[in-house]
């Protein structure tokens, strides 16, 4: 099922590129030095690619242990860590803009506090260093996980969660990090625009993300059943373009949902099956019967050190239809997105080419 925001819209007219918005940044012909965190990952690499097309001087922050698959040799690599203040200061020196897209996107870890710490303290350090470096404008990648869901309708930006309301360590950490950024905007004059991506899908999902794992498992024929839930899916390149729109047109201190189509999980799995020539799953499982399986999977994961495919937090999140309304970003930023099935097709093609699909 496609949501109200799922229509495919051509990107703005050529004249739009020359229009400066009073609350944003003019679209310039001269290149700027921009630091992108998380560029070795899924969304961050797409953001770097979108900026590279404009001719900007791109710096990417990556840990020495991070995979290099998504890094482009045209970009300047700054090895560092979000927990290492000195490396952040070095990477930000002389940068005009910052895109902070790095995040610990896991629904499970042996030490759950690690996920919370990485998402909150890493954000704190890089925002403090960005202020010290005099960065002119920041686009901070938050998540729709920080927003309250609405039963019977899509959620919007005007109902943020309190930290204790988030389901699981990942959500609570992202809520805490977003509240920190908002406080720094108000208290310290942090020049940040907040974007809240929904669920990106597409190429370069190297890890892969939890949603990418669903695509891989379903395309491989290893998901014979499903639970009743829904999510908002958007092509990762459209979400990345929305980040650049936020740099150009976003208002400091505002948050913008960057989404796509509201889709039932059953329909997503059926679309994946059609794309790979398999029969779609038809068995819908009661959620409550999966909790013992998820618990056992987490116990086994603790012994093996491998993230489980099914988790307790994932099941708790699946109780709700995670549907969102991105009309604010479309109206204020000029954000557009293609049909989510194109993202599924690109994801499957990339996973197949890189050996994820046997």
C-alpha atoms as a PDB file:
ATOM      1  CA  UNK A   1       0.000   0.000   0.000  1.00  0.00           C
ATOM      2  CA  UNK A   2       1.349   3.402  -0.925  1.00  0.00           C
ATOM      3  CA  UNK A   3       0.830   6.343   1.415  1.00  0.00           C
ATOM      4  CA  UNK A   4      -0.272   9.848   0.576  1.00  0.00           C
ATOM      5  CA  UNK A   5       3.347  10.913   0.142  1.00  0.00           C
ATOM      6  CA  UNK A   6       4.137   8.137  -2.292  1.00  0.00           C
ATOM      7  CA  UNK A   7       3.522   9.941  -5.556  1.00  0.00           C
ATOM      8  CA  UNK A   8       6.491  10.200  -7.899  1.00  0.00           C
ATOM      9  CA  UNK A   9       7.348  13.836  -8.577  1.00  0.00           C
ATOM     10  CA  UNK A  10       9.948  15.216 -10.961  1.00  0.00           C
ATOM     11  CA  UNK A  11      12.690  17.179  -9.201  1.00  0.00           C
ATOM     12  CA  UNK A  12      12.357  20.980  -9.215  1.00  0.00           C
ATOM     13  CA  UNK A  13      12.690  23.207 -12.227  1.00  0.00           C
ATOM     14  CA  UNK A  14      16.061  24.477 -13.368  1.00  0.00           C
ATOM     15  CA  UNK A  15      15.257  27.892 -11.951  1.00  0.00           C
ATOM     16  CA  UNK A  16      14.985  26.469  -8.433  1.00  0.00           C
ATOM     17  CA  UNK A  17      18.716  25.882  -8.356  1.00  0.00           C
ATOM     18  CA  UNK A  18      19.370  29.608  -8.527  1.00  0.00           C
ATOM     19  CA  UNK A  19      16.948  30.705  -5.846  1.00  0.00           C
ATOM     20  CA  UNK A  20      18.248  31.634  -2.405  1.00  0.00           C
ATOM     21  CA  UNK A  21      15.833  31.076   0.464  1.00  0.00           C
ATOM     22  CA  UNK A  22      15.976  33.634   3.248  1.00  0.00           C
ATOM     23  CA  UNK A  23      16.053  30.945   5.950  1.00  0.00           C
ATOM     24  CA  UNK A  24      18.540  28.742   4.168  1.00  0.00           C
ATOM     25  CA  UNK A  25      21.715  28.807   2.086  1.00  0.00           C
ATOM     26  CA  UNK A  26      21.904  29.970  -1.513  1.00  0.00           C
ATOM     27  CA  UNK A  27      22.689  27.276  -4.036  1.00  0.00           C
ATOM     28  CA  UNK A  28      26.171  28.318  -5.001  1.00  0.00           C
ATOM     29  CA  UNK A  29      28.275  27.602  -8.043  1.00  0.00           C
ATOM     30  CA  UNK A  30      31.515  27.838  -6.029  1.00  0.00           C
ATOM     31  CA  UNK A  31      32.490  24.678  -4.133  1.00  0.00           C
ATOM     32  CA  UNK A  32      32.568  24.520  -0.343  1.00  0.00           C
ATOM     33  CA  UNK A  33      34.492  22.231   1.989  1.00  0.00           C
ATOM     34  CA  UNK A  34      32.028  19.851   3.617  1.00  0.00           C
ATOM     35  CA  UNK A  35      32.619  17.137   6.215  1.00  0.00           C
ATOM     36  CA  UNK A  36      30.349  14.080   6.031  1.00  0.00           C
ATOM     37  CA  UNK A  37      30.326  11.581   8.883  1.00  0.00           C
ATOM     38  CA  UNK A  38      29.084   8.059   8.249  1.00  0.00           C
ATOM     39  CA  UNK A  39      30.181   8.147   4.593  1.00  0.00           C
ATOM     40  CA  UNK A  40      31.507   4.585   4.752  1.00  0.00           C
ATOM     41  CA  UNK A  41      27.956   3.468   5.526  1.00  0.00           C
ATOM     42  CA  UNK A  42      24.655   3.396   3.707  1.00  0.00           C
ATOM     43  CA  UNK A  43      23.014   6.816   3.928  1.00  0.00           C
ATOM     44  CA  UNK A  44      26.251   8.730   4.502  1.00  0.00           C
ATOM     45  CA  UNK A  45      27.749   7.446   1.253  1.00  0.00           C
ATOM     46  CA  UNK A  46      24.645   8.552  -0.635  1.00  0.00           C
ATOM     47  CA  UNK A  47      24.894  12.027   0.923  1.00  0.00           C
ATOM     48  CA  UNK A  48      28.554  12.296  -0.089  1.00  0.00           C
ATOM     49  CA  UNK A  49      27.644  11.249  -3.636  1.00  0.00           C
ATOM     50  CA  UNK A  50      24.865  13.867  -3.834  1.00  0.00           C
ATOM     51  CA  UNK A  51      27.265  16.584  -2.697  1.00  0.00           C
ATOM     52  CA  UNK A  52      30.045  15.393  -5.011  1.00  0.00           C
ATOM     53  CA  UNK A  53      27.808  15.954  -8.036  1.00  0.00           C
ATOM     54  CA  UNK A  54      27.705  19.638  -7.091  1.00  0.00           C
ATOM     55  CA  UNK A  55      31.491  19.860  -7.140  1.00  0.00           C
ATOM     56  CA  UNK A  56      32.004  20.384  -3.423  1.00  0.00           C
ATOM     57  CA  UNK A  57      35.261  19.505  -1.672  1.00  0.00           C
ATOM     58  CA  UNK A  58      34.144  16.468   0.334  1.00  0.00           C
ATOM     59  CA  UNK A  59      35.850  15.226   3.464  1.00  0.00           C
ATOM     60  CA  UNK A  60      34.704  11.965   4.989  1.00  0.00           C
ATOM     61  CA  UNK A  61      35.279  10.853   8.558  1.00  0.00           C
ATOM     62  CA  UNK A  62      35.839   7.107   8.954  1.00  0.00           C
ATOM     63  CA  UNK A  63      37.365   4.864  11.589  1.00  0.00           C
ATOM     64  CA  UNK A  64      40.484   2.942  10.573  1.00  0.00           C
ATOM     65  CA  UNK A  65      38.439  -0.263  10.893  1.00  0.00           C
ATOM     66  CA  UNK A  66      35.509   0.943   8.753  1.00  0.00           C
ATOM     67  CA  UNK A  67      34.940  -0.770   5.381  1.00  0.00           C
ATOM     68  CA  UNK A  68      36.203   1.194   2.409  1.00  0.00           C
ATOM     69  CA  UNK A  69      33.684  -0.154  -0.121  1.00  0.00           C
ATOM     70  CA  UNK A  70      31.560   2.992  -0.155  1.00  0.00           C
ATOM     71  CA  UNK A  71      34.359   5.557   0.068  1.00  0.00           C
ATOM     72  CA  UNK A  72      35.192   7.477  -3.088  1.00  0.00           C
ATOM     73  CA  UNK A  73      38.855   8.199  -3.858  1.00  0.00           C
ATOM     74  CA  UNK A  74      37.860  11.697  -4.968  1.00  0.00           C
ATOM     75  CA  UNK A  75      36.989  12.545  -1.368  1.00  0.00           C
ATOM     76  CA  UNK A  76      39.484  13.418   1.360  1.00  0.00           C
ATOM     77  CA  UNK A  77      39.602  10.671   3.967  1.00  0.00           C
ATOM     78  CA  UNK A  78      39.952  11.834   7.574  1.00  0.00           C
ATOM     79  CA  UNK A  79      40.568   8.844   9.794  1.00  0.00           C
ATOM     80  CA  UNK A  80      39.080   9.336  13.222  1.00  0.00           C
ATOM     81  CA  UNK A  81      36.382   8.351  15.657  1.00  0.00           C
ATOM     82  CA  UNK A  82      33.334  10.153  17.027  1.00  0.00           C
ATOM     83  CA  UNK A  83      34.639   9.360  20.509  1.00  0.00           C
ATOM     84  CA  UNK A  84      37.990  11.039  19.761  1.00  0.00           C
ATOM     85  CA  UNK A  85      37.633  14.810  20.085  1.00  0.00           C
ATOM     86  CA  UNK A  86      41.047  15.570  18.582  1.00  0.00           C
ATOM     87  CA  UNK A  87      40.267  13.659  15.383  1.00  0.00           C
ATOM     88  CA  UNK A  88      36.968  15.534  15.036  1.00  0.00           C
ATOM     89  CA  UNK A  89      38.688  18.898  15.463  1.00  0.00           C
ATOM     90  CA  UNK A  90      41.210  17.988  12.756  1.00  0.00           C
ATOM     91  CA  UNK A  91      38.512  16.834  10.333  1.00  0.00           C
ATOM     92  CA  UNK A  92      36.430  19.979  10.870  1.00  0.00           C
ATOM     93  CA  UNK A  93      39.280  22.462  10.486  1.00  0.00           C
ATOM     94  CA  UNK A  94      38.415  24.768   7.598  1.00  0.00           C
ATOM     95  CA  UNK A  95      35.093  23.030   6.840  1.00  0.00           C
ATOM     96  CA  UNK A  96      32.200  25.312   5.997  1.00  0.00           C
ATOM     97  CA  UNK A  97      29.388  22.766   6.383  1.00  0.00           C
ATOM     98  CA  UNK A  98      28.858  19.524   8.331  1.00  0.00           C
ATOM     99  CA  UNK A  99      26.568  16.599   7.561  1.00  0.00           C
ATOM    100  CA  UNK A 100      26.454  14.376  10.636  1.00  0.00           C
ATOM    101  CA  UNK A 101      24.971  11.119   9.352  1.00  0.00           C
ATOM    102  CA  UNK A 102      26.996   8.610  11.381  1.00  0.00           C
ATOM    103  CA  UNK A 103      24.934   6.509  13.788  1.00  0.00           C
ATOM    104  CA  UNK A 104      25.022   3.183  15.567  1.00  0.00           C
ATOM    105  CA  UNK A 105      21.998   1.671  13.812  1.00  0.00           C
ATOM    106  CA  UNK A 106      21.598  -1.613  15.676  1.00  0.00           C
ATOM    107  CA  UNK A 107      18.564  -3.022  17.429  1.00  0.00           C
ATOM    108  CA  UNK A 108      20.721  -5.324  19.571  1.00  0.00           C
ATOM    109  CA  UNK A 109      24.192  -5.375  21.112  1.00  0.00           C
ATOM    110  CA  UNK A 110      25.877  -7.451  23.811  1.00  0.00           C
ATOM    111  CA  UNK A 111      26.148  -4.200  25.749  1.00  0.00           C
ATOM    112  CA  UNK A 112      23.026  -2.132  24.908  1.00  0.00           C
ATOM    113  CA  UNK A 113      24.547   0.915  26.599  1.00  0.00           C
ATOM    114  CA  UNK A 114      27.134   0.990  23.811  1.00  0.00           C
ATOM    115  CA  UNK A 115      24.454   1.858  21.228  1.00  0.00           C
ATOM    116  CA  UNK A 116      23.098   4.671  23.395  1.00  0.00           C
ATOM    117  CA  UNK A 117      26.583   5.984  24.180  1.00  0.00           C
ATOM    118  CA  UNK A 118      27.708   5.976  20.542  1.00  0.00           C
ATOM    119  CA  UNK A 119      24.641   7.855  19.320  1.00  0.00           C
ATOM    120  CA  UNK A 120      24.503  10.423  22.132  1.00  0.00           C
ATOM    121  CA  UNK A 121      28.120  11.121  23.055  1.00  0.00           C
ATOM    122  CA  UNK A 122      29.364  11.000  19.469  1.00  0.00           C
ATOM    123  CA  UNK A 123      26.778  13.635  18.559  1.00  0.00           C
ATOM    124  CA  UNK A 124      27.720  15.758  21.565  1.00  0.00           C
ATOM    125  CA  UNK A 125      31.412  15.790  20.712  1.00  0.00           C
ATOM    126  CA  UNK A 126      31.070  16.580  17.024  1.00  0.00           C
ATOM    127  CA  UNK A 127      28.524  19.338  17.647  1.00  0.00           C
ATOM    128  CA  UNK A 128      30.791  20.938  20.235  1.00  0.00           C
ATOM    129  CA  UNK A 129      33.747  20.759  17.851  1.00  0.00           C
ATOM    130  CA  UNK A 130      31.654  22.144  14.988  1.00  0.00           C
ATOM    131  CA  UNK A 131      30.847  25.175  17.130  1.00  0.00           C
ATOM    132  CA  UNK A 132      34.523  25.612  18.007  1.00  0.00           C
ATOM    133  CA  UNK A 133      35.495  25.349  14.341  1.00  0.00           C
ATOM    134  CA  UNK A 134      32.957  27.991  13.289  1.00  0.00           C
ATOM    135  CA  UNK A 135      31.036  25.684  10.945  1.00  0.00           C
ATOM    136  CA  UNK A 136      28.460  27.815   9.164  1.00  0.00           C
ATOM    137  CA  UNK A 137      25.651  25.271   8.854  1.00  0.00           C
ATOM    138  CA  UNK A 138      24.969  21.709   9.995  1.00  0.00           C
ATOM    139  CA  UNK A 139      22.535  19.095   8.731  1.00  0.00           C
ATOM    140  CA  UNK A 140      21.992  16.604  11.539  1.00  0.00           C
ATOM    141  CA  UNK A 141      20.612  13.190  10.602  1.00  0.00           C
ATOM    142  CA  UNK A 142      18.169  12.135  13.283  1.00  0.00           C
ATOM    143  CA  UNK A 143      15.443   9.526  12.640  1.00  0.00           C
ATOM    144  CA  UNK A 144      11.681   9.106  12.569  1.00  0.00           C
ATOM    145  CA  UNK A 145      12.366   6.931  15.628  1.00  0.00           C
ATOM    146  CA  UNK A 146      12.276  10.192  17.626  1.00  0.00           C
ATOM    147  CA  UNK A 147       8.622  10.882  16.728  1.00  0.00           C
ATOM    148  CA  UNK A 148       5.389   9.644  18.292  1.00  0.00           C
ATOM    149  CA  UNK A 149       3.403   7.259  16.126  1.00  0.00           C
ATOM    150  CA  UNK A 150      -0.271   7.909  15.458  1.00  0.00           C
ATOM    151  CA  UNK A 151      -2.651   4.978  15.364  1.00  0.00           C
ATOM    152  CA  UNK A 152      -4.790   5.190  12.244  1.00  0.00           C
ATOM    153  CA  UNK A 153      -2.696   7.839  10.514  1.00  0.00           C
ATOM    154  CA  UNK A 154       0.802   8.964   9.543  1.00  0.00           C
ATOM    155  CA  UNK A 155       2.948  10.729  12.157  1.00  0.00           C
ATOM    156  CA  UNK A 156       4.378  14.212  11.666  1.00  0.00           C
ATOM    157  CA  UNK A 157       7.223  16.307  13.068  1.00  0.00           C
ATOM    158  CA  UNK A 158       5.109  18.093  15.660  1.00  0.00           C
ATOM    159  CA  UNK A 159       4.913  15.201  18.150  1.00  0.00           C
ATOM    160  CA  UNK A 160       8.445  14.433  19.382  1.00  0.00           C
ATOM    161  CA  UNK A 161       9.088  11.632  21.856  1.00  0.00           C
ATOM    162  CA  UNK A 162      10.517  12.115  25.300  1.00  0.00           C
ATOM    163  CA  UNK A 163      13.612   9.962  25.809  1.00  0.00           C
ATOM    164  CA  UNK A 164      11.890   7.492  28.119  1.00  0.00           C
ATOM    165  CA  UNK A 165       9.128   6.860  25.556  1.00  0.00           C
ATOM    166  CA  UNK A 166      11.395   5.286  22.939  1.00  0.00           C
ATOM    167  CA  UNK A 167      11.223   1.528  22.403  1.00  0.00           C
ATOM    168  CA  UNK A 168      14.668   0.010  22.871  1.00  0.00           C
ATOM    169  CA  UNK A 169      18.163   1.368  23.254  1.00  0.00           C
ATOM    170  CA  UNK A 170      18.530   2.586  19.656  1.00  0.00           C
ATOM    171  CA  UNK A 171      15.400   4.741  19.774  1.00  0.00           C
ATOM    172  CA  UNK A 172      16.148   6.114  23.227  1.00  0.00           C
ATOM    173  CA  UNK A 173      19.668   7.038  22.133  1.00  0.00           C
ATOM    174  CA  UNK A 174      18.436   8.801  18.990  1.00  0.00           C
ATOM    175  CA  UNK A 175      15.820  10.694  20.993  1.00  0.00           C
ATOM    176  CA  UNK A 176      18.462  11.790  23.504  1.00  0.00           C
ATOM    177  CA  UNK A 177      20.793  12.899  20.700  1.00  0.00           C
ATOM    178  CA  UNK A 178      18.068  14.914  18.964  1.00  0.00           C
ATOM    179  CA  UNK A 179      17.102  16.621  22.216  1.00  0.00           C
ATOM    180  CA  UNK A 180      20.786  17.444  22.770  1.00  0.00           C
ATOM    181  CA  UNK A 181      21.043  19.080  19.329  1.00  0.00           C
ATOM    182  CA  UNK A 182      17.861  21.067  19.976  1.00  0.00           C
ATOM    183  CA  UNK A 183      19.236  22.265  23.328  1.00  0.00           C
ATOM    184  CA  UNK A 184      22.513  23.344  21.705  1.00  0.00           C
ATOM    185  CA  UNK A 185      20.598  25.256  19.014  1.00  0.00           C
ATOM    186  CA  UNK A 186      18.726  27.186  21.688  1.00  0.00           C
ATOM    187  CA  UNK A 187      21.550  27.611  24.196  1.00  0.00           C
ATOM    188  CA  UNK A 188      24.674  27.862  22.054  1.00  0.00           C
ATOM    189  CA  UNK A 189      23.408  29.048  18.692  1.00  0.00           C
ATOM    190  CA  UNK A 190      24.281  25.753  16.984  1.00  0.00           C
ATOM    191  CA  UNK A 191      23.426  26.380  13.296  1.00  0.00           C
ATOM    192  CA  UNK A 192      21.740  22.998  12.768  1.00  0.00           C
ATOM    193  CA  UNK A 193      18.825  21.769  10.682  1.00  0.00           C
ATOM    194  CA  UNK A 194      17.421  18.402  11.782  1.00  0.00           C
ATOM    195  CA  UNK A 195      16.254  15.803   9.279  1.00  0.00           C
ATOM    196  CA  UNK A 196      14.354  12.647  10.218  1.00  0.00           C
ATOM    197  CA  UNK A 197      14.769   9.942   7.567  1.00  0.00           C
ATOM    198  CA  UNK A 198      12.246   7.117   7.597  1.00  0.00           C
ATOM    199  CA  UNK A 199      13.582   3.803   6.222  1.00  0.00           C
ATOM    200  CA  UNK A 200      16.050   4.196   3.330  1.00  0.00           C
ATOM    201  CA  UNK A 201      16.482   1.334   0.872  1.00  0.00           C
ATOM    202  CA  UNK A 202      18.704   1.002  -2.164  1.00  0.00           C
ATOM    203  CA  UNK A 203      22.315   0.380  -3.173  1.00  0.00           C
ATOM    204  CA  UNK A 204      25.445   0.435  -0.954  1.00  0.00           C
ATOM    205  CA  UNK A 205      23.824  -1.075   2.153  1.00  0.00           C
ATOM    206  CA  UNK A 206      27.095  -2.738   3.090  1.00  0.00           C
ATOM    207  CA  UNK A 207      26.381  -3.785   6.650  1.00  0.00           C
ATOM    208  CA  UNK A 208      23.404  -4.301   5.890  1.00  0.00           C
ATOM    209  CA  UNK A 209      20.878  -2.303   7.929  1.00  0.00           C
ATOM    210  CA  UNK A 210      18.002  -4.136   9.666  1.00  0.00           C
ATOM    211  CA  UNK A 211      15.738  -3.365   6.712  1.00  0.00           C
ATOM    212  CA  UNK A 212      18.455  -4.424   4.287  1.00  0.00           C
ATOM    213  CA  UNK A 213      18.655  -7.760   6.114  1.00  0.00           C
ATOM    214  CA  UNK A 214      14.920  -8.236   5.582  1.00  0.00           C
ATOM    215  CA  UNK A 215      15.393  -7.611   1.859  1.00  0.00           C
ATOM    216  CA  UNK A 216      18.280 -10.104   1.676  1.00  0.00           C
ATOM    217  CA  UNK A 217      16.421 -12.788   3.631  1.00  0.00           C
ATOM    218  CA  UNK A 218      13.198 -12.348   1.669  1.00  0.00           C
ATOM    219  CA  UNK A 219      14.975 -12.289  -1.704  1.00  0.00           C
ATOM    220  CA  UNK A 220      16.816 -15.459  -0.700  1.00  0.00           C
ATOM    221  CA  UNK A 221      13.550 -17.241   0.123  1.00  0.00           C
ATOM    222  CA  UNK A 222      14.245 -17.418   3.855  1.00  0.00           C
ATOM    223  CA  UNK A 223      11.170 -15.490   5.052  1.00  0.00           C
ATOM    224  CA  UNK A 224       8.219 -17.894   4.683  1.00  0.00           C
ATOM    225  CA  UNK A 225       6.054 -15.908   7.116  1.00  0.00           C
ATOM    226  CA  UNK A 226       5.573 -12.380   8.446  1.00  0.00           C
ATOM    227  CA  UNK A 227       3.931 -10.333  11.182  1.00  0.00           C
ATOM    228  CA  UNK A 228       1.369  -7.600  10.701  1.00  0.00           C
ATOM    229  CA  UNK A 229       3.188  -4.251  10.638  1.00  0.00           C
ATOM    230  CA  UNK A 230       3.983  -1.384   8.327  1.00  0.00           C
ATOM    231  CA  UNK A 231       6.823   1.016   7.603  1.00  0.00           C
ATOM    232  CA  UNK A 232       7.704   4.020   5.493  1.00  0.00           C
ATOM    233  CA  UNK A 233      10.176   3.240   2.687  1.00  0.00           C
ATOM    234  CA  UNK A 234      12.189   5.709   0.609  1.00  0.00           C
ATOM    235  CA  UNK A 235      14.982   5.369  -1.948  1.00  0.00           C
ATOM    236  CA  UNK A 236      18.258   6.171  -0.201  1.00  0.00           C
ATOM    237  CA  UNK A 237      19.343   8.541  -2.978  1.00  0.00           C
ATOM    238  CA  UNK A 238      16.148  10.575  -2.535  1.00  0.00           C
ATOM    239  CA  UNK A 239      16.736  10.774   1.224  1.00  0.00           C
ATOM    240  CA  UNK A 240      20.309  11.914   0.518  1.00  0.00           C
ATOM    241  CA  UNK A 241      19.039  14.594  -1.883  1.00  0.00           C
ATOM    242  CA  UNK A 242      16.673  15.687   0.889  1.00  0.00           C
ATOM    243  CA  UNK A 243      19.691  16.294   3.121  1.00  0.00           C
ATOM    244  CA  UNK A 244      21.150  18.629   0.506  1.00  0.00           C
ATOM    245  CA  UNK A 245      17.760  20.339   0.215  1.00  0.00           C
ATOM    246  CA  UNK A 246      17.904  20.866   3.991  1.00  0.00           C
ATOM    247  CA  UNK A 247      21.296  22.547   3.671  1.00  0.00           C
ATOM    248  CA  UNK A 248      19.931  24.885   1.014  1.00  0.00           C
ATOM    249  CA  UNK A 249      16.463  25.606   2.326  1.00  0.00           C
ATOM    250  CA  UNK A 250      15.996  24.230   5.823  1.00  0.00           C
ATOM    251  CA  UNK A 251      15.278  26.487   8.775  1.00  0.00           C
ATOM    252  CA  UNK A 252      17.663  26.349  11.718  1.00  0.00           C
ATOM    253  CA  UNK A 253      16.106  24.422  14.604  1.00  0.00           C
ATOM    254  CA  UNK A 254      13.368  22.815  12.487  1.00  0.00           C
ATOM    255  CA  UNK A 255      12.994  19.083  11.871  1.00  0.00           C
ATOM    256  CA  UNK A 256      11.936  17.565   8.551  1.00  0.00           C
ATOM    257  CA  UNK A 257      10.753  14.022   7.857  1.00  0.00           C
ATOM    258  CA  UNK A 258      12.412  12.606   4.737  1.00  0.00           C
ATOM    259  CA  UNK A 259      10.220   9.697   3.740  1.00  0.00           C
ATOM    260  CA  UNK A 260       8.478   7.963   0.900  1.00  0.00           C
ATOM    261  CA  UNK A 261       5.681   5.400   0.740  1.00  0.00           C
ATOM    262  CA  UNK A 262       3.770   3.954   3.697  1.00  0.00           C
ATOM    263  CA  UNK A 263       3.844   0.208   3.072  1.00  0.00           C
ATOM    264  CA  UNK A 264       2.529  -2.881   4.838  1.00  0.00           C
ATOM    265  CA  UNK A 265       5.272  -5.451   5.427  1.00  0.00           C
ATOM    266  CA  UNK A 266       3.234  -8.110   3.607  1.00  0.00           C
ATOM    267  CA  UNK A 267       3.140  -5.910   0.487  1.00  0.00           C
ATOM    268  CA  UNK A 268       6.865  -5.200   0.702  1.00  0.00           C
ATOM    269  CA  UNK A 269       7.626  -8.935   0.875  1.00  0.00           C
ATOM    270  CA  UNK A 270       5.295  -9.612  -2.055  1.00  0.00           C
ATOM    271  CA  UNK A 271       7.086  -6.969  -4.136  1.00  0.00           C
ATOM    272  CA  UNK A 272      10.475  -8.492  -3.277  1.00  0.00           C
ATOM    273  CA  UNK A 273       9.193 -11.919  -4.293  1.00  0.00           C
ATOM    274  CA  UNK A 274       8.013 -10.599  -7.656  1.00  0.00           C
ATOM    275  CA  UNK A 275      11.364  -8.907  -8.297  1.00  0.00           C
ATOM    276  CA  UNK A 276      13.322 -12.138  -7.736  1.00  0.00           C
ATOM    277  CA  UNK A 277      10.801 -14.574  -9.227  1.00  0.00           C
ATOM    278  CA  UNK A 278       9.719 -16.269  -5.991  1.00  0.00           C
ATOM    279  CA  UNK A 279       6.345 -16.901  -4.418  1.00  0.00           C
ATOM    280  CA  UNK A 280       5.481 -14.349  -1.736  1.00  0.00           C
ATOM    281  CA  UNK A 281       4.954 -15.526   1.842  1.00  0.00           C
ATOM    282  CA  UNK A 282       1.305 -15.933   2.816  1.00  0.00           C
ATOM    283  CA  UNK A 283       1.532 -17.048   6.461  1.00  0.00           C
ATOM    284  CA  UNK A 284       0.876 -14.270   8.976  1.00  0.00           C
ATOM    285  CA  UNK A 285       2.209 -15.146  12.426  1.00  0.00           C
ATOM    286  CA  UNK A 286       0.827 -13.877  15.729  1.00  0.00           C
ATOM    287  CA  UNK A 287       3.471 -11.595  17.199  1.00  0.00           C
ATOM    288  CA  UNK A 288       3.229 -13.118  20.671  1.00  0.00           C
ATOM    289  CA  UNK A 289       4.419 -16.526  19.492  1.00  0.00           C
ATOM    290  CA  UNK A 290       7.674 -14.952  18.228  1.00  0.00           C
ATOM    291  CA  UNK A 291       8.804 -13.455  21.525  1.00  0.00           C
ATOM    292  CA  UNK A 292      10.272 -16.743  22.845  1.00  0.00           C
ATOM    293  CA  UNK A 293      12.101 -17.148  19.512  1.00  0.00           C
ATOM    294  CA  UNK A 294      13.475 -13.624  19.719  1.00  0.00           C
ATOM    295  CA  UNK A 295      14.583 -14.171  23.309  1.00  0.00           C
ATOM    296  CA  UNK A 296      16.382 -17.370  22.343  1.00  0.00           C
ATOM    297  CA  UNK A 297      17.965 -15.652  19.339  1.00  0.00           C
ATOM    298  CA  UNK A 298      19.348 -12.912  21.584  1.00  0.00           C
ATOM    299  CA  UNK A 299      20.759 -15.441  24.054  1.00  0.00           C
ATOM    300  CA  UNK A 300      22.465 -17.291  21.215  1.00  0.00           C
ATOM    301  CA  UNK A 301      23.727 -13.998  19.769  1.00  0.00           C
ATOM    302  CA  UNK A 302      25.294 -13.125  23.128  1.00  0.00           C
ATOM    303  CA  UNK A 303      27.257 -16.369  22.976  1.00  0.00           C
ATOM    304  CA  UNK A 304      28.266 -16.050  19.327  1.00  0.00           C
ATOM    305  CA  UNK A 305      28.666 -12.265  19.114  1.00  0.00           C
ATOM    306  CA  UNK A 306      26.523 -12.081  15.964  1.00  0.00           C
ATOM    307  CA  UNK A 307      23.514  -9.756  15.756  1.00  0.00           C
ATOM    308  CA  UNK A 308      20.277 -11.800  15.647  1.00  0.00           C
ATOM    309  CA  UNK A 309      17.836 -11.442  12.778  1.00  0.00           C
ATOM    310  CA  UNK A 310      14.845 -11.253  15.138  1.00  0.00           C
ATOM    311  CA  UNK A 311      15.014  -9.184  18.336  1.00  0.00           C
ATOM    312  CA  UNK A 312      12.728  -8.333  21.239  1.00  0.00           C
ATOM    313  CA  UNK A 313      12.924  -4.613  20.445  1.00  0.00           C
ATOM    314  CA  UNK A 314      12.169  -5.260  16.782  1.00  0.00           C
ATOM    315  CA  UNK A 315       9.002  -7.154  17.733  1.00  0.00           C
ATOM    316  CA  UNK A 316       7.955  -4.401  20.123  1.00  0.00           C
ATOM    317  CA  UNK A 317       8.377  -1.808  17.363  1.00  0.00           C
ATOM    318  CA  UNK A 318       6.408  -3.990  14.948  1.00  0.00           C
ATOM    319  CA  UNK A 319       3.307  -3.632  17.126  1.00  0.00           C
ATOM    320  CA  UNK A 320       2.719  -0.322  15.366  1.00  0.00           C
ATOM    321  CA  UNK A 321       2.350   0.802  11.778  1.00  0.00           C
ATOM    322  CA  UNK A 322       5.398   3.059  11.414  1.00  0.00           C
ATOM    323  CA  UNK A 323       3.760   5.416   8.923  1.00  0.00           C
ATOM    324  CA  UNK A 324       4.872   9.032   8.430  1.00  0.00           C
ATOM    325  CA  UNK A 325       3.835  12.180   6.582  1.00  0.00           C
ATOM    326  CA  UNK A 326       6.702  14.058   4.889  1.00  0.00           C
ATOM    327  CA  UNK A 327       4.604  16.892   3.447  1.00  0.00           C
ATOM    328  CA  UNK A 328       6.509  19.539   5.455  1.00  0.00           C
ATOM    329  CA  UNK A 329       9.785  18.621   3.721  1.00  0.00           C
ATOM    330  CA  UNK A 330       8.054  18.566   0.352  1.00  0.00           C
ATOM    331  CA  UNK A 331       6.539  21.969   0.977  1.00  0.00           C
ATOM    332  CA  UNK A 332       9.528  23.772   2.545  1.00  0.00           C
ATOM    333  CA  UNK A 333      12.547  21.967   1.085  1.00  0.00           C
ATOM    334  CA  UNK A 334      11.248  20.885  -2.296  1.00  0.00           C
ATOM    335  CA  UNK A 335      11.834  17.263  -1.255  1.00  0.00           C
ATOM    336  CA  UNK A 336      10.667  14.567  -3.677  1.00  0.00           C
ATOM    337  CA  UNK A 337      10.821  10.767  -3.736  1.00  0.00           C
ATOM    338  CA  UNK A 338      10.327   8.090  -6.344  1.00  0.00           C
ATOM    339  CA  UNK A 339       8.115   4.978  -5.808  1.00  0.00           C
ATOM    340  CA  UNK A 340       9.672   2.735  -3.144  1.00  0.00           C
ATOM    341  CA  UNK A 341       9.710  -0.273  -5.489  1.00  0.00           C
ATOM    342  CA  UNK A 342      12.573   1.379  -7.364  1.00  0.00           C
ATOM    343  CA  UNK A 343      14.532   1.375  -4.115  1.00  0.00           C
ATOM    344  CA  UNK A 344      13.760  -2.320  -3.633  1.00  0.00           C
ATOM    345  CA  UNK A 345      14.926  -3.096  -7.175  1.00  0.00           C
ATOM    346  CA  UNK A 346      18.166  -1.140  -6.707  1.00  0.00           C
ATOM    347  CA  UNK A 347      18.805  -2.802  -3.347  1.00  0.00           C
ATOM    348  CA  UNK A 348      18.302  -6.298  -4.737  1.00  0.00           C
ATOM    349  CA  UNK A 349      20.518  -5.588  -7.741  1.00  0.00           C
ATOM    350  CA  UNK A 350      23.288  -4.270  -5.465  1.00  0.00           C
ATOM    351  CA  UNK A 351      23.001  -7.168  -3.014  1.00  0.00           C
ATOM    352  CA  UNK A 352      23.143  -9.643  -5.893  1.00  0.00           C
ATOM    353  CA  UNK A 353      26.183  -7.984  -7.495  1.00  0.00           C
ATOM    354  CA  UNK A 354      28.065  -7.940  -4.185  1.00  0.00           C
ATOM    355  CA  UNK A 355      27.390 -11.535  -3.237  1.00  0.00           C
ATOM    356  CA  UNK A 356      24.730 -11.123  -0.540  1.00  0.00           C
ATOM    357  CA  UNK A 357      22.237 -13.176  -2.563  1.00  0.00           C
ATOM    358  CA  UNK A 358      23.234 -16.741  -3.354  1.00  0.00           C
END
